[in-house]
Amino acid sequence: MEENKDIELNPKQKKFVNSVASGDSATNAYIEVYGCQKGSAASAASRLMGQPNIIEELDRLKVAAQKKTFIKLLKMDYTSLQ
């Protein structure tokens, strides 16, 4: 069965993605969000990380963070020229 990457994330998935995007491991993020044991969290987190909608959201957050960093660098560079 093919998964639809356009399916919106549910609140727990959003929290998981934000945690991973902030630097937590997928396993630790899964434990934090879903409250399960580490052994089962590793395989569950791996499955979740393979879902197209999760991948798409992580990519979107990564691009947004890169743009934000670039803008900050431009502002710092501009400020140093004054």
Protein backbone atom coordinates (compact mmCIF):
# COMPACT_ATOMS: atom_id res chain seq x y z
CA MET A 1 0.00 0.00 0.00
CA GLU A 2 1.39 3.40 -1.00
CA GLU A 3 1.24 6.16 1.61
CA ASN A 4 -0.02 9.63 0.78
CA LYS A 5 2.62 12.24 1.60
CA ASP A 6 -0.04 14.97 1.58
CA ILE A 7 -1.66 13.61 4.74
CA GLU A 8 -1.39 16.20 7.51
CA LEU A 9 0.57 15.38 10.60
CA ASN A 10 -1.37 14.70 13.75
CA PRO A 11 -0.35 16.56 16.94
CA LYS A 12 1.94 13.77 18.16
CA GLN A 13 3.65 13.53 14.77
CA LYS A 14 4.18 17.30 14.78
CA LYS A 15 5.74 17.13 18.23
CA PHE A 16 7.94 14.22 17.09
CA VAL A 17 9.10 16.12 13.99
CA ASN A 18 9.82 19.28 15.96
CA SER A 19 11.82 17.29 18.50
CA VAL A 20 13.89 15.60 15.78
CA ALA A 21 14.36 18.92 13.97
CA SER A 22 15.62 20.41 17.25
CA GLY A 23 18.35 17.81 17.47
CA ASP A 24 16.87 14.92 19.44
CA SER A 25 17.38 11.42 18.10
CA ALA A 26 14.32 9.87 16.51
CA THR A 27 14.27 7.22 19.25
CA ASN A 28 14.39 9.77 22.09
CA ALA A 29 11.79 11.93 20.36
CA TYR A 30 9.52 8.90 20.01
CA ILE A 31 9.92 7.99 23.68
CA GLU A 32 9.16 11.58 24.71
CA VAL A 33 6.07 11.87 22.52
CA TYR A 34 4.59 8.39 22.64
CA GLY A 35 5.87 7.25 26.04
CA CYS A 36 7.11 3.76 25.27
CA GLN A 37 10.16 1.65 26.07
CA LYS A 38 13.44 2.29 24.25
CA GLY A 39 13.47 -1.11 22.53
CA SER A 40 10.13 -0.64 20.83
CA ALA A 41 10.71 3.10 20.31
CA ALA A 42 13.72 2.53 18.05
CA SER A 43 11.83 0.46 15.50
CA ALA A 44 8.69 2.60 15.74
CA ALA A 45 10.72 5.78 15.28
CA SER A 46 12.43 4.24 12.26
CA ARG A 47 9.06 3.44 10.67
CA LEU A 48 7.81 6.95 11.42
CA MET A 49 10.94 8.53 9.92
CA GLY A 50 10.22 6.63 6.70
CA GLN A 51 6.76 8.10 6.22
CA PRO A 52 6.63 10.58 3.33
CA ASN A 53 4.72 13.23 5.29
CA ILE A 54 7.28 13.09 8.11
CA ILE A 55 10.18 13.34 5.65
CA GLU A 56 8.51 16.25 3.88
CA GLU A 57 7.95 18.18 7.11
CA LEU A 58 11.53 17.60 8.30
CA ASP A 59 12.79 18.84 4.93
CA ARG A 60 10.53 21.90 5.16
CA LEU A 61 11.81 22.72 8.64
CA LYS A 62 15.41 22.26 7.52
CA VAL A 63 14.97 24.68 4.62
CA ALA A 64 13.23 27.20 6.89
CA ALA A 65 16.10 27.01 9.40
CA GLN A 66 18.66 27.47 6.62
CA LYS A 67 16.83 30.55 5.33
CA LYS A 68 16.61 32.00 8.83
CA THR A 69 20.33 31.44 9.35
CA PHE A 70 21.15 33.02 6.00
CA ILE A 71 19.08 36.10 6.81
CA LYS A 72 20.81 36.44 10.19
CA LEU A 73 24.20 36.23 8.48
CA LEU A 74 23.19 38.88 5.96
CA LYS A 75 22.03 41.17 8.76
CA MET A 76 25.29 40.63 10.67
CA ASP A 77 27.31 41.33 7.55
CA TYR A 78 25.30 44.48 6.82
CA THR A 79 25.69 45.70 10.41
CA SER A 80 29.46 45.24 10.27
CA LEU A 81 29.62 47.41 7.15
CA GLN A 82 28.09 50.39 8.88
